């Protein structure tokens, strides 16, 4: 009898990729959970022996699932699969009982090696059984049944890219960056300020933008930095002087360099293309969000917007990053999605 496997991830694309990464014939029936509570209900029924668990999920995240597994002494071995690759994230899940960590996007070879190392898989044995019994090849058929939308696709590649940018920031500053769930939406230029869900009403922000282009893609990245966070960020960056207009601009430029570069390189790597970056420019300082984004309001174009809200644990530091793809970029992204999920 083969191992009962549960894949828990709020992303349809991630569930599909994880199922495809399993060796042929490993499982009689792969179970899927779209959130932490759903996974716990399955585990409480003793229906799975091995759990592949995402960390970044709404309502109940992967850390909370691991805490419940430990508290309730549920009989399952857990491998975390996450775009959050910060050293602290790896350390925290191990302390909570995870046996290993796989970074997204899933590497089939690494999955196979880990399964073999932990005794869930012996090469050749299950493949032979699968040839005799087609029901043992459900990892492939189940993956094909999962429907993936453009929004889900973009949210997942943004999640992986966000993990890279957060990891770079965490290593440079020696902090832990909280991982939000990226938000994806089609919006009009005139409504752009309404898309920033994490922005605090009445707070002043400063902003920097940087254009990018690639084969079939174009757009711009915006970083909106809360004014109240400038001094603390300057201290973390070890500036000799931590306040003043010149320092604020320097913080903006340094943060945009760290976050834009790592994030857009992460997007480009997943789409298999090189994104060229323009020169960054300051949009404005110490103004409400709607005023900072006023230059977009006169354009009629619809934008495909990815929003990420960064926050540093135990620090009063908050900023928003928007990645805005042009309408002309959508056909390219849809074609890539079709290729990826085929």
C-alpha atoms as a PDB file:
ATOM      1  CA  UNK A   1       0.000   0.000   0.000  1.00  0.00           C
ATOM      2  CA  UNK A   2       1.424   3.423  -1.000  1.00  0.00           C
ATOM      3  CA  UNK A   3       1.743   6.553   1.086  1.00  0.00           C
ATOM      4  CA  UNK A   4      -1.323   8.759   1.527  1.00  0.00           C
ATOM      5  CA  UNK A   5      -0.273  12.314   0.616  1.00  0.00           C
ATOM      6  CA  UNK A   6      -1.961  15.627   1.374  1.00  0.00           C
ATOM      7  CA  UNK A   7      -1.018  18.823  -0.488  1.00  0.00           C
ATOM      8  CA  UNK A   8      -2.145  22.011   1.260  1.00  0.00           C
ATOM      9  CA  UNK A   9      -1.825  25.293  -0.642  1.00  0.00           C
ATOM     10  CA  UNK A  10      -4.275  28.107  -1.365  1.00  0.00           C
ATOM     11  CA  UNK A  11      -2.823  28.417  -4.893  1.00  0.00           C
ATOM     12  CA  UNK A  12      -4.283  26.120  -7.560  1.00  0.00           C
ATOM     13  CA  UNK A  13      -1.074  26.483  -9.585  1.00  0.00           C
ATOM     14  CA  UNK A  14       1.083  25.466  -6.606  1.00  0.00           C
ATOM     15  CA  UNK A  15      -1.103  22.412  -5.908  1.00  0.00           C
ATOM     16  CA  UNK A  16      -0.826  21.405  -9.553  1.00  0.00           C
ATOM     17  CA  UNK A  17       2.970  21.862  -9.596  1.00  0.00           C
ATOM     18  CA  UNK A  18       3.421  19.908  -6.366  1.00  0.00           C
ATOM     19  CA  UNK A  19       1.302  16.995  -7.591  1.00  0.00           C
ATOM     20  CA  UNK A  20       3.271  16.878 -10.831  1.00  0.00           C
ATOM     21  CA  UNK A  21       6.564  16.823  -8.923  1.00  0.00           C
ATOM     22  CA  UNK A  22       5.719  13.511  -7.228  1.00  0.00           C
ATOM     23  CA  UNK A  23       7.280  10.365  -8.673  1.00  0.00           C
ATOM     24  CA  UNK A  24       4.963   8.221 -10.795  1.00  0.00           C
ATOM     25  CA  UNK A  25       3.016   5.697  -8.756  1.00  0.00           C
ATOM     26  CA  UNK A  26       3.826   7.175  -5.365  1.00  0.00           C
ATOM     27  CA  UNK A  27       0.256   7.639  -4.154  1.00  0.00           C
ATOM     28  CA  UNK A  28      -3.012   5.777  -4.593  1.00  0.00           C
ATOM     29  CA  UNK A  29      -4.912   9.006  -4.101  1.00  0.00           C
ATOM     30  CA  UNK A  30      -3.539  12.492  -3.555  1.00  0.00           C
ATOM     31  CA  UNK A  31      -5.653  14.661  -1.278  1.00  0.00           C
ATOM     32  CA  UNK A  32      -5.788  18.447  -1.634  1.00  0.00           C
ATOM     33  CA  UNK A  33      -6.584  21.207   0.857  1.00  0.00           C
ATOM     34  CA  UNK A  34      -6.972  24.849  -0.113  1.00  0.00           C
ATOM     35  CA  UNK A  35      -6.467  26.218   3.398  1.00  0.00           C
ATOM     36  CA  UNK A  36      -5.106  25.299   6.810  1.00  0.00           C
ATOM     37  CA  UNK A  37      -8.399  24.391   8.445  1.00  0.00           C
ATOM     38  CA  UNK A  38      -9.300  22.067   5.596  1.00  0.00           C
ATOM     39  CA  UNK A  39      -5.925  20.336   5.973  1.00  0.00           C
ATOM     40  CA  UNK A  40      -6.415  19.851   9.704  1.00  0.00           C
ATOM     41  CA  UNK A  41      -9.826  18.264   9.185  1.00  0.00           C
ATOM     42  CA  UNK A  42      -8.244  15.710   6.838  1.00  0.00           C
ATOM     43  CA  UNK A  43      -5.380  15.046   9.251  1.00  0.00           C
ATOM     44  CA  UNK A  44      -7.734  14.617  12.194  1.00  0.00           C
ATOM     45  CA  UNK A  45      -9.428  11.860  10.215  1.00  0.00           C
ATOM     46  CA  UNK A  46      -6.040  10.105   9.866  1.00  0.00           C
ATOM     47  CA  UNK A  47      -6.350  10.217   6.073  1.00  0.00           C
ATOM     48  CA  UNK A  48      -2.783  11.281   5.283  1.00  0.00           C
ATOM     49  CA  UNK A  49       0.716  10.232   6.339  1.00  0.00           C
ATOM     50  CA  UNK A  50       2.703  12.906   4.511  1.00  0.00           C
ATOM     51  CA  UNK A  51       1.802  16.599   4.245  1.00  0.00           C
ATOM     52  CA  UNK A  52       3.246  19.112   1.781  1.00  0.00           C
ATOM     53  CA  UNK A  53       2.381  22.439   3.420  1.00  0.00           C
ATOM     54  CA  UNK A  54       2.452  26.013   2.144  1.00  0.00           C
ATOM     55  CA  UNK A  55       3.216  28.763   4.674  1.00  0.00           C
ATOM     56  CA  UNK A  56       1.561  31.804   3.136  1.00  0.00           C
ATOM     57  CA  UNK A  57      -2.213  31.209   3.277  1.00  0.00           C
ATOM     58  CA  UNK A  58      -5.210  33.320   4.339  1.00  0.00           C
ATOM     59  CA  UNK A  59      -6.957  32.894   7.716  1.00  0.00           C
ATOM     60  CA  UNK A  60      -4.793  30.015   8.960  1.00  0.00           C
ATOM     61  CA  UNK A  61      -1.217  30.025   7.685  1.00  0.00           C
ATOM     62  CA  UNK A  62       1.267  27.181   7.602  1.00  0.00           C
ATOM     63  CA  UNK A  63       2.856  28.126  10.920  1.00  0.00           C
ATOM     64  CA  UNK A  64      -0.520  27.818  12.623  1.00  0.00           C
ATOM     65  CA  UNK A  65      -1.151  24.450  10.967  1.00  0.00           C
ATOM     66  CA  UNK A  66       2.183  23.175  12.307  1.00  0.00           C
ATOM     67  CA  UNK A  67       1.286  24.443  15.776  1.00  0.00           C
ATOM     68  CA  UNK A  68      -2.024  22.536  15.683  1.00  0.00           C
ATOM     69  CA  UNK A  69      -0.334  19.371  14.426  1.00  0.00           C
ATOM     70  CA  UNK A  70       2.083  19.506  17.355  1.00  0.00           C
ATOM     71  CA  UNK A  71      -0.556  20.439  19.937  1.00  0.00           C
ATOM     72  CA  UNK A  72      -2.987  17.732  18.799  1.00  0.00           C
ATOM     73  CA  UNK A  73      -0.214  15.180  18.221  1.00  0.00           C
ATOM     74  CA  UNK A  74      -1.498  14.390  14.724  1.00  0.00           C
ATOM     75  CA  UNK A  75       0.330  11.455  13.092  1.00  0.00           C
ATOM     76  CA  UNK A  76       1.745  13.084   9.964  1.00  0.00           C
ATOM     77  CA  UNK A  77       5.179  14.032   8.639  1.00  0.00           C
ATOM     78  CA  UNK A  78       5.311  17.531   7.158  1.00  0.00           C
ATOM     79  CA  UNK A  79       7.480  19.017   4.434  1.00  0.00           C
ATOM     80  CA  UNK A  80       7.008  22.758   4.019  1.00  0.00           C
ATOM     81  CA  UNK A  81       6.843  24.070   0.441  1.00  0.00           C
ATOM     82  CA  UNK A  82       7.099  27.847   0.381  1.00  0.00           C
ATOM     83  CA  UNK A  83       8.200  30.923  -1.509  1.00  0.00           C
ATOM     84  CA  UNK A  84       9.302  32.444   1.815  1.00  0.00           C
ATOM     85  CA  UNK A  85      12.960  31.420   1.801  1.00  0.00           C
ATOM     86  CA  UNK A  86      14.185  33.627   4.649  1.00  0.00           C
ATOM     87  CA  UNK A  87      16.595  31.747   6.947  1.00  0.00           C
ATOM     88  CA  UNK A  88      14.323  32.583   9.900  1.00  0.00           C
ATOM     89  CA  UNK A  89      11.325  31.004   8.138  1.00  0.00           C
ATOM     90  CA  UNK A  90      13.234  27.750   7.654  1.00  0.00           C
ATOM     91  CA  UNK A  91      14.338  27.751  11.278  1.00  0.00           C
ATOM     92  CA  UNK A  92      10.833  28.436  12.593  1.00  0.00           C
ATOM     93  CA  UNK A  93       9.169  25.586  10.689  1.00  0.00           C
ATOM     94  CA  UNK A  94      11.818  23.115  11.831  1.00  0.00           C
ATOM     95  CA  UNK A  95      11.230  24.125  15.456  1.00  0.00           C
ATOM     96  CA  UNK A  96       7.514  23.536  14.883  1.00  0.00           C
ATOM     97  CA  UNK A  97       8.144  19.986  13.703  1.00  0.00           C
ATOM     98  CA  UNK A  98       8.519  20.115   9.900  1.00  0.00           C
ATOM     99  CA  UNK A  99      10.997  17.505   8.703  1.00  0.00           C
ATOM    100  CA  UNK A 100      12.205  19.563   5.735  1.00  0.00           C
ATOM    101  CA  UNK A 101      11.730  22.641   3.569  1.00  0.00           C
ATOM    102  CA  UNK A 102      11.343  22.961  -0.215  1.00  0.00           C
ATOM    103  CA  UNK A 103      11.447  26.349  -1.886  1.00  0.00           C
ATOM    104  CA  UNK A 104       9.029  27.256  -4.667  1.00  0.00           C
ATOM    105  CA  UNK A 105       8.826  26.709  -7.575  1.00  0.00           C
ATOM    106  CA  UNK A 106       8.991  22.989  -6.857  1.00  0.00           C
ATOM    107  CA  UNK A 107      12.085  21.084  -7.986  1.00  0.00           C
ATOM    108  CA  UNK A 108      11.064  17.549  -9.021  1.00  0.00           C
ATOM    109  CA  UNK A 109      14.538  16.136  -8.438  1.00  0.00           C
ATOM    110  CA  UNK A 110      14.709  17.540  -4.910  1.00  0.00           C
ATOM    111  CA  UNK A 111      11.231  16.196  -4.077  1.00  0.00           C
ATOM    112  CA  UNK A 112      12.262  12.726  -5.235  1.00  0.00           C
ATOM    113  CA  UNK A 113      15.498  12.805  -3.218  1.00  0.00           C
ATOM    114  CA  UNK A 114      13.707  13.887  -0.036  1.00  0.00           C
ATOM    115  CA  UNK A 115      11.010  11.247  -0.418  1.00  0.00           C
ATOM    116  CA  UNK A 116      13.681   8.610  -0.882  1.00  0.00           C
ATOM    117  CA  UNK A 117      15.681   9.918   2.086  1.00  0.00           C
ATOM    118  CA  UNK A 118      12.672   9.753   4.416  1.00  0.00           C
ATOM    119  CA  UNK A 119      11.621   6.294   3.261  1.00  0.00           C
ATOM    120  CA  UNK A 120       8.481   7.245   1.309  1.00  0.00           C
ATOM    121  CA  UNK A 121       9.856   6.235  -2.076  1.00  0.00           C
ATOM    122  CA  UNK A 122      12.077   3.531  -3.545  1.00  0.00           C
ATOM    123  CA  UNK A 123      12.975   4.135  -7.211  1.00  0.00           C
ATOM    124  CA  UNK A 124      11.584   1.561  -9.622  1.00  0.00           C
ATOM    125  CA  UNK A 125       9.319  -0.248  -7.198  1.00  0.00           C
ATOM    126  CA  UNK A 126       6.243   1.948  -7.466  1.00  0.00           C
ATOM    127  CA  UNK A 127       6.782   2.757 -11.150  1.00  0.00           C
ATOM    128  CA  UNK A 128       6.556  -0.958 -11.924  1.00  0.00           C
ATOM    129  CA  UNK A 129       3.328  -1.231  -9.945  1.00  0.00           C
ATOM    130  CA  UNK A 130       1.953   1.824 -11.705  1.00  0.00           C
ATOM    131  CA  UNK A 131       2.417   0.222 -15.111  1.00  0.00           C
ATOM    132  CA  UNK A 132       0.237  -2.666 -13.958  1.00  0.00           C
ATOM    133  CA  UNK A 133      -2.414  -0.525 -12.294  1.00  0.00           C
ATOM    134  CA  UNK A 134      -3.340   2.797 -13.895  1.00  0.00           C
ATOM    135  CA  UNK A 135      -5.099   3.913 -10.706  1.00  0.00           C
ATOM    136  CA  UNK A 136      -1.673   4.398  -9.130  1.00  0.00           C
ATOM    137  CA  UNK A 137      -0.885   7.210 -11.551  1.00  0.00           C
ATOM    138  CA  UNK A 138      -3.348   9.610  -9.999  1.00  0.00           C
ATOM    139  CA  UNK A 139      -0.668  12.210  -9.238  1.00  0.00           C
ATOM    140  CA  UNK A 140      -0.711  13.117 -12.924  1.00  0.00           C
ATOM    141  CA  UNK A 141      -4.450  12.816 -13.504  1.00  0.00           C
ATOM    142  CA  UNK A 142      -5.287  14.739 -10.334  1.00  0.00           C
ATOM    143  CA  UNK A 143      -2.945  17.536 -11.356  1.00  0.00           C
ATOM    144  CA  UNK A 144      -4.637  17.809 -14.737  1.00  0.00           C
ATOM    145  CA  UNK A 145      -8.020  18.244 -13.055  1.00  0.00           C
ATOM    146  CA  UNK A 146      -6.909  21.413 -11.218  1.00  0.00           C
ATOM    147  CA  UNK A 147      -8.063  24.549 -13.020  1.00  0.00           C
ATOM    148  CA  UNK A 148      -5.714  27.544 -12.877  1.00  0.00           C
ATOM    149  CA  UNK A 149      -6.841  31.113 -13.630  1.00  0.00           C
ATOM    150  CA  UNK A 150      -4.630  33.985 -14.768  1.00  0.00           C
ATOM    151  CA  UNK A 151      -5.077  35.652 -11.371  1.00  0.00           C
ATOM    152  CA  UNK A 152      -4.033  32.501  -9.533  1.00  0.00           C
ATOM    153  CA  UNK A 153      -1.037  32.114 -11.834  1.00  0.00           C
ATOM    154  CA  UNK A 154       0.098  35.701 -11.253  1.00  0.00           C
ATOM    155  CA  UNK A 155      -0.480  35.469  -7.509  1.00  0.00           C
ATOM    156  CA  UNK A 156       1.724  32.396  -7.285  1.00  0.00           C
ATOM    157  CA  UNK A 157       4.620  33.756  -9.361  1.00  0.00           C
ATOM    158  CA  UNK A 158       4.334  36.982  -7.347  1.00  0.00           C
ATOM    159  CA  UNK A 159       4.483  34.923  -4.147  1.00  0.00           C
ATOM    160  CA  UNK A 160       7.746  33.296  -5.272  1.00  0.00           C
ATOM    161  CA  UNK A 161       9.224  36.628  -6.407  1.00  0.00           C
ATOM    162  CA  UNK A 162       8.161  38.250  -3.137  1.00  0.00           C
ATOM    163  CA  UNK A 163       9.986  35.500  -1.262  1.00  0.00           C
ATOM    164  CA  UNK A 164      13.200  36.428  -3.053  1.00  0.00           C
ATOM    165  CA  UNK A 165      12.893  40.143  -2.347  1.00  0.00           C
ATOM    166  CA  UNK A 166      11.974  39.533   1.305  1.00  0.00           C
ATOM    167  CA  UNK A 167      14.890  37.129   1.697  1.00  0.00           C
ATOM    168  CA  UNK A 168      17.328  39.712   0.340  1.00  0.00           C
ATOM    169  CA  UNK A 169      15.920  42.391   2.637  1.00  0.00           C
ATOM    170  CA  UNK A 170      15.969  40.040   5.633  1.00  0.00           C
ATOM    171  CA  UNK A 171      19.603  39.071   5.050  1.00  0.00           C
ATOM    172  CA  UNK A 172      20.767  42.648   4.517  1.00  0.00           C
ATOM    173  CA  UNK A 173      18.989  44.027   7.583  1.00  0.00           C
ATOM    174  CA  UNK A 174      19.046  40.892   9.758  1.00  0.00           C
ATOM    175  CA  UNK A 175      15.309  41.060  10.317  1.00  0.00           C
ATOM    176  CA  UNK A 176      12.249  38.912   9.620  1.00  0.00           C
ATOM    177  CA  UNK A 177       9.966  40.230   6.890  1.00  0.00           C
ATOM    178  CA  UNK A 178       6.305  39.331   7.253  1.00  0.00           C
ATOM    179  CA  UNK A 179       4.960  37.659   4.116  1.00  0.00           C
ATOM    180  CA  UNK A 180       1.557  38.913   2.935  1.00  0.00           C
ATOM    181  CA  UNK A 181      -0.562  37.246   0.270  1.00  0.00           C
ATOM    182  CA  UNK A 182      -0.063  39.162  -2.995  1.00  0.00           C
ATOM    183  CA  UNK A 183      -3.219  40.761  -4.377  1.00  0.00           C
ATOM    184  CA  UNK A 184      -3.900  40.658  -8.121  1.00  0.00           C
ATOM    185  CA  UNK A 185      -6.563  42.733  -9.888  1.00  0.00           C
ATOM    186  CA  UNK A 186      -7.428  44.446 -13.164  1.00  0.00           C
ATOM    187  CA  UNK A 187      -8.011  48.115 -12.430  1.00  0.00           C
ATOM    188  CA  UNK A 188      -8.341  51.408 -14.253  1.00  0.00           C
ATOM    189  CA  UNK A 189      -5.537  53.932 -13.953  1.00  0.00           C
ATOM    190  CA  UNK A 190      -7.954  56.365 -12.358  1.00  0.00           C
ATOM    191  CA  UNK A 191      -8.750  53.860  -9.594  1.00  0.00           C
ATOM    192  CA  UNK A 192      -5.176  52.907  -8.805  1.00  0.00           C
ATOM    193  CA  UNK A 193      -5.089  54.570  -5.387  1.00  0.00           C
ATOM    194  CA  UNK A 194      -8.108  52.476  -4.356  1.00  0.00           C
ATOM    195  CA  UNK A 195      -6.173  49.256  -5.002  1.00  0.00           C
ATOM    196  CA  UNK A 196      -3.743  49.856  -2.166  1.00  0.00           C
ATOM    197  CA  UNK A 197      -5.554  48.014   0.580  1.00  0.00           C
ATOM    198  CA  UNK A 198      -2.862  48.403   3.237  1.00  0.00           C
ATOM    199  CA  UNK A 199      -2.479  52.174   2.932  1.00  0.00           C
ATOM    200  CA  UNK A 200      -3.432  54.033   6.090  1.00  0.00           C
ATOM    201  CA  UNK A 201      -5.992  56.790   5.650  1.00  0.00           C
ATOM    202  CA  UNK A 202      -4.623  60.178   6.612  1.00  0.00           C
ATOM    203  CA  UNK A 203      -1.001  58.977   6.540  1.00  0.00           C
ATOM    204  CA  UNK A 204       1.625  60.650   4.366  1.00  0.00           C
ATOM    205  CA  UNK A 205       3.667  58.609   1.910  1.00  0.00           C
ATOM    206  CA  UNK A 206       6.616  59.107  -0.404  1.00  0.00           C
ATOM    207  CA  UNK A 207       6.927  57.219  -3.670  1.00  0.00           C
ATOM    208  CA  UNK A 208       9.448  56.115  -6.272  1.00  0.00           C
ATOM    209  CA  UNK A 209       8.708  54.453  -9.622  1.00  0.00           C
ATOM    210  CA  UNK A 210      10.761  52.475 -12.125  1.00  0.00           C
ATOM    211  CA  UNK A 211       9.703  51.232 -15.548  1.00  0.00           C
ATOM    212  CA  UNK A 212      10.501  47.766 -16.912  1.00  0.00           C
ATOM    213  CA  UNK A 213      10.278  46.027 -20.289  1.00  0.00           C
ATOM    214  CA  UNK A 214      10.814  42.541 -21.643  1.00  0.00           C
ATOM    215  CA  UNK A 215       9.814  40.382 -24.598  1.00  0.00           C
ATOM    216  CA  UNK A 216       6.021  40.791 -24.518  1.00  0.00           C
ATOM    217  CA  UNK A 217       5.915  42.563 -21.145  1.00  0.00           C
ATOM    218  CA  UNK A 218       5.985  46.186 -20.071  1.00  0.00           C
ATOM    219  CA  UNK A 219       4.976  48.166 -17.026  1.00  0.00           C
ATOM    220  CA  UNK A 220       6.271  49.943 -13.987  1.00  0.00           C
ATOM    221  CA  UNK A 221       7.013  49.233 -10.358  1.00  0.00           C
ATOM    222  CA  UNK A 222       5.939  51.652  -7.638  1.00  0.00           C
ATOM    223  CA  UNK A 223       7.173  51.754  -4.057  1.00  0.00           C
ATOM    224  CA  UNK A 224       5.032  53.709  -1.595  1.00  0.00           C
ATOM    225  CA  UNK A 225       6.862  54.244   1.667  1.00  0.00           C
ATOM    226  CA  UNK A 226       5.109  55.430   4.804  1.00  0.00           C
ATOM    227  CA  UNK A 227       6.764  58.635   6.042  1.00  0.00           C
ATOM    228  CA  UNK A 228       6.589  57.475   9.664  1.00  0.00           C
ATOM    229  CA  UNK A 229       8.918  54.568   8.758  1.00  0.00           C
ATOM    230  CA  UNK A 230      11.817  56.592   7.335  1.00  0.00           C
ATOM    231  CA  UNK A 231      13.901  57.181  10.448  1.00  0.00           C
ATOM    232  CA  UNK A 232      13.692  53.593  11.687  1.00  0.00           C
ATOM    233  CA  UNK A 233      14.589  52.264   8.242  1.00  0.00           C
ATOM    234  CA  UNK A 234      17.561  54.634   8.033  1.00  0.00           C
ATOM    235  CA  UNK A 235      18.751  53.223  11.369  1.00  0.00           C
ATOM    236  CA  UNK A 236      18.425  49.651  10.081  1.00  0.00           C
ATOM    237  CA  UNK A 237      20.398  50.625   6.975  1.00  0.00           C
ATOM    238  CA  UNK A 238      23.120  52.024   9.283  1.00  0.00           C
ATOM    239  CA  UNK A 239      23.123  55.527   7.872  1.00  0.00           C
ATOM    240  CA  UNK A 240      25.308  58.036   9.711  1.00  0.00           C
ATOM    241  CA  UNK A 241      22.445  60.538   9.588  1.00  0.00           C
ATOM    242  CA  UNK A 242      18.909  59.173  10.043  1.00  0.00           C
ATOM    243  CA  UNK A 243      16.629  62.122   9.339  1.00  0.00           C
ATOM    244  CA  UNK A 244      16.237  64.883   6.799  1.00  0.00           C
ATOM    245  CA  UNK A 245      14.956  65.151   3.217  1.00  0.00           C
ATOM    246  CA  UNK A 246      18.163  63.862   1.638  1.00  0.00           C
ATOM    247  CA  UNK A 247      18.094  60.801   3.889  1.00  0.00           C
ATOM    248  CA  UNK A 248      14.463  60.099   3.006  1.00  0.00           C
ATOM    249  CA  UNK A 249      15.267  60.119  -0.701  1.00  0.00           C
ATOM    250  CA  UNK A 250      18.243  57.832  -0.082  1.00  0.00           C
ATOM    251  CA  UNK A 251      16.032  55.397   1.832  1.00  0.00           C
ATOM    252  CA  UNK A 252      13.514  55.415  -1.022  1.00  0.00           C
ATOM    253  CA  UNK A 253      16.188  54.705  -3.609  1.00  0.00           C
ATOM    254  CA  UNK A 254      17.905  52.000  -1.552  1.00  0.00           C
ATOM    255  CA  UNK A 255      14.634  50.224  -0.766  1.00  0.00           C
ATOM    256  CA  UNK A 256      13.454  50.379  -4.376  1.00  0.00           C
ATOM    257  CA  UNK A 257      16.786  48.994  -5.547  1.00  0.00           C
ATOM    258  CA  UNK A 258      16.532  46.053  -3.134  1.00  0.00           C
ATOM    259  CA  UNK A 259      12.845  45.245  -3.653  1.00  0.00           C
ATOM    260  CA  UNK A 260      12.371  46.048  -7.355  1.00  0.00           C
ATOM    261  CA  UNK A 261      15.513  44.262  -8.487  1.00  0.00           C
ATOM    262  CA  UNK A 262      14.945  41.031  -6.573  1.00  0.00           C
ATOM    263  CA  UNK A 263      11.199  40.925  -7.265  1.00  0.00           C
ATOM    264  CA  UNK A 264      11.387  41.621 -11.014  1.00  0.00           C
ATOM    265  CA  UNK A 265      14.300  39.206 -11.444  1.00  0.00           C
ATOM    266  CA  UNK A 266      12.157  36.594  -9.684  1.00  0.00           C
ATOM    267  CA  UNK A 267       9.275  37.279 -12.081  1.00  0.00           C
ATOM    268  CA  UNK A 268      11.607  37.170 -15.087  1.00  0.00           C
ATOM    269  CA  UNK A 269      13.206  33.877 -14.044  1.00  0.00           C
ATOM    270  CA  UNK A 270       9.808  32.199 -13.745  1.00  0.00           C
ATOM    271  CA  UNK A 271       8.650  33.570 -17.108  1.00  0.00           C
ATOM    272  CA  UNK A 272      12.013  32.688 -18.690  1.00  0.00           C
ATOM    273  CA  UNK A 273      12.774  36.211 -19.859  1.00  0.00           C
ATOM    274  CA  UNK A 274      15.069  39.085 -19.004  1.00  0.00           C
ATOM    275  CA  UNK A 275      13.396  42.256 -17.776  1.00  0.00           C
ATOM    276  CA  UNK A 276      15.202  45.499 -18.419  1.00  0.00           C
ATOM    277  CA  UNK A 277      14.827  48.243 -15.786  1.00  0.00           C
ATOM    278  CA  UNK A 278      14.635  51.965 -16.474  1.00  0.00           C
ATOM    279  CA  UNK A 279      15.941  54.682 -14.168  1.00  0.00           C
ATOM    280  CA  UNK A 280      14.065  55.137 -10.874  1.00  0.00           C
ATOM    281  CA  UNK A 281      12.455  58.506 -10.212  1.00  0.00           C
ATOM    282  CA  UNK A 282      10.786  60.031  -7.161  1.00  0.00           C
ATOM    283  CA  UNK A 283       7.069  60.625  -7.760  1.00  0.00           C
ATOM    284  CA  UNK A 284       6.603  62.813  -4.710  1.00  0.00           C
ATOM    285  CA  UNK A 285       7.114  63.054  -0.966  1.00  0.00           C
ATOM    286  CA  UNK A 286       4.970  63.503   2.150  1.00  0.00           C
ATOM    287  CA  UNK A 287       1.629  63.349   0.373  1.00  0.00           C
ATOM    288  CA  UNK A 288      -1.560  61.228   0.488  1.00  0.00           C
ATOM    289  CA  UNK A 289      -1.658  58.154  -1.750  1.00  0.00           C
ATOM    290  CA  UNK A 290      -4.204  59.593  -4.196  1.00  0.00           C
ATOM    291  CA  UNK A 291      -2.005  62.643  -4.842  1.00  0.00           C
ATOM    292  CA  UNK A 292       1.100  60.552  -5.405  1.00  0.00           C
ATOM    293  CA  UNK A 293      -0.718  58.479  -8.019  1.00  0.00           C
ATOM    294  CA  UNK A 294      -2.381  61.444  -9.698  1.00  0.00           C
ATOM    295  CA  UNK A 295      -0.217  61.110 -12.823  1.00  0.00           C
ATOM    296  CA  UNK A 296      -1.974  57.807 -13.615  1.00  0.00           C
ATOM    297  CA  UNK A 297      -5.512  59.136 -13.346  1.00  0.00           C
ATOM    298  CA  UNK A 298      -5.568  60.863 -16.745  1.00  0.00           C
ATOM    299  CA  UNK A 299      -4.724  57.682 -18.675  1.00  0.00           C
ATOM    300  CA  UNK A 300      -7.548  55.464 -19.867  1.00  0.00           C
ATOM    301  CA  UNK A 301      -5.660  52.182 -19.900  1.00  0.00           C
ATOM    302  CA  UNK A 302      -6.595  49.229 -17.707  1.00  0.00           C
ATOM    303  CA  UNK A 303      -3.708  47.870 -15.654  1.00  0.00           C
ATOM    304  CA  UNK A 304      -2.984  44.437 -14.287  1.00  0.00           C
ATOM    305  CA  UNK A 305      -1.896  45.240 -10.751  1.00  0.00           C
ATOM    306  CA  UNK A 306       0.019  43.123  -8.225  1.00  0.00           C
ATOM    307  CA  UNK A 307       0.098  44.627  -4.728  1.00  0.00           C
ATOM    308  CA  UNK A 308       2.465  43.535  -1.984  1.00  0.00           C
ATOM    309  CA  UNK A 309       2.531  45.098   1.475  1.00  0.00           C
ATOM    310  CA  UNK A 310       5.859  44.654   3.246  1.00  0.00           C
ATOM    311  CA  UNK A 311       6.209  44.871   7.020  1.00  0.00           C
ATOM    312  CA  UNK A 312       9.185  44.096   9.234  1.00  0.00           C
ATOM    313  CA  UNK A 313       8.486  42.104  12.368  1.00  0.00           C
ATOM    314  CA  UNK A 314       8.782  44.050  15.636  1.00  0.00           C
ATOM    315  CA  UNK A 315       9.393  47.279  13.713  1.00  0.00           C
ATOM    316  CA  UNK A 316       7.082  50.131  12.764  1.00  0.00           C
ATOM    317  CA  UNK A 317       8.114  49.914   9.111  1.00  0.00           C
ATOM    318  CA  UNK A 318       5.562  49.558   6.332  1.00  0.00           C
ATOM    319  CA  UNK A 319       5.671  50.008   2.580  1.00  0.00           C
ATOM    320  CA  UNK A 320       3.621  48.977  -0.425  1.00  0.00           C
ATOM    321  CA  UNK A 321       4.940  47.784  -3.760  1.00  0.00           C
ATOM    322  CA  UNK A 322       2.768  47.823  -6.873  1.00  0.00           C
ATOM    323  CA  UNK A 323       3.749  46.014 -10.055  1.00  0.00           C
ATOM    324  CA  UNK A 324       1.660  47.396 -12.922  1.00  0.00           C
ATOM    325  CA  UNK A 325       1.517  45.489 -16.211  1.00  0.00           C
ATOM    326  CA  UNK A 326       0.129  47.207 -19.312  1.00  0.00           C
ATOM    327  CA  UNK A 327      -2.934  45.864 -21.123  1.00  0.00           C
ATOM    328  CA  UNK A 328      -0.673  44.757 -23.982  1.00  0.00           C
ATOM    329  CA  UNK A 329       1.174  42.437 -21.564  1.00  0.00           C
ATOM    330  CA  UNK A 330      -1.898  40.302 -20.833  1.00  0.00           C
ATOM    331  CA  UNK A 331      -1.795  38.117 -24.016  1.00  0.00           C
ATOM    332  CA  UNK A 332       1.841  37.231 -23.270  1.00  0.00           C
ATOM    333  CA  UNK A 333       1.006  36.273 -19.678  1.00  0.00           C
ATOM    334  CA  UNK A 334      -1.961  34.183 -20.797  1.00  0.00           C
ATOM    335  CA  UNK A 335       0.225  32.341 -23.291  1.00  0.00           C
ATOM    336  CA  UNK A 336       2.811  31.618 -20.597  1.00  0.00           C
ATOM    337  CA  UNK A 337       0.082  30.335 -18.301  1.00  0.00           C
ATOM    338  CA  UNK A 338      -1.231  28.009 -21.006  1.00  0.00           C
ATOM    339  CA  UNK A 339       2.276  26.604 -21.516  1.00  0.00           C
ATOM    340  CA  UNK A 340       2.907  26.201 -17.798  1.00  0.00           C
ATOM    341  CA  UNK A 341      -0.285  24.308 -16.951  1.00  0.00           C
ATOM    342  CA  UNK A 342      -0.438  22.158 -20.100  1.00  0.00           C
END
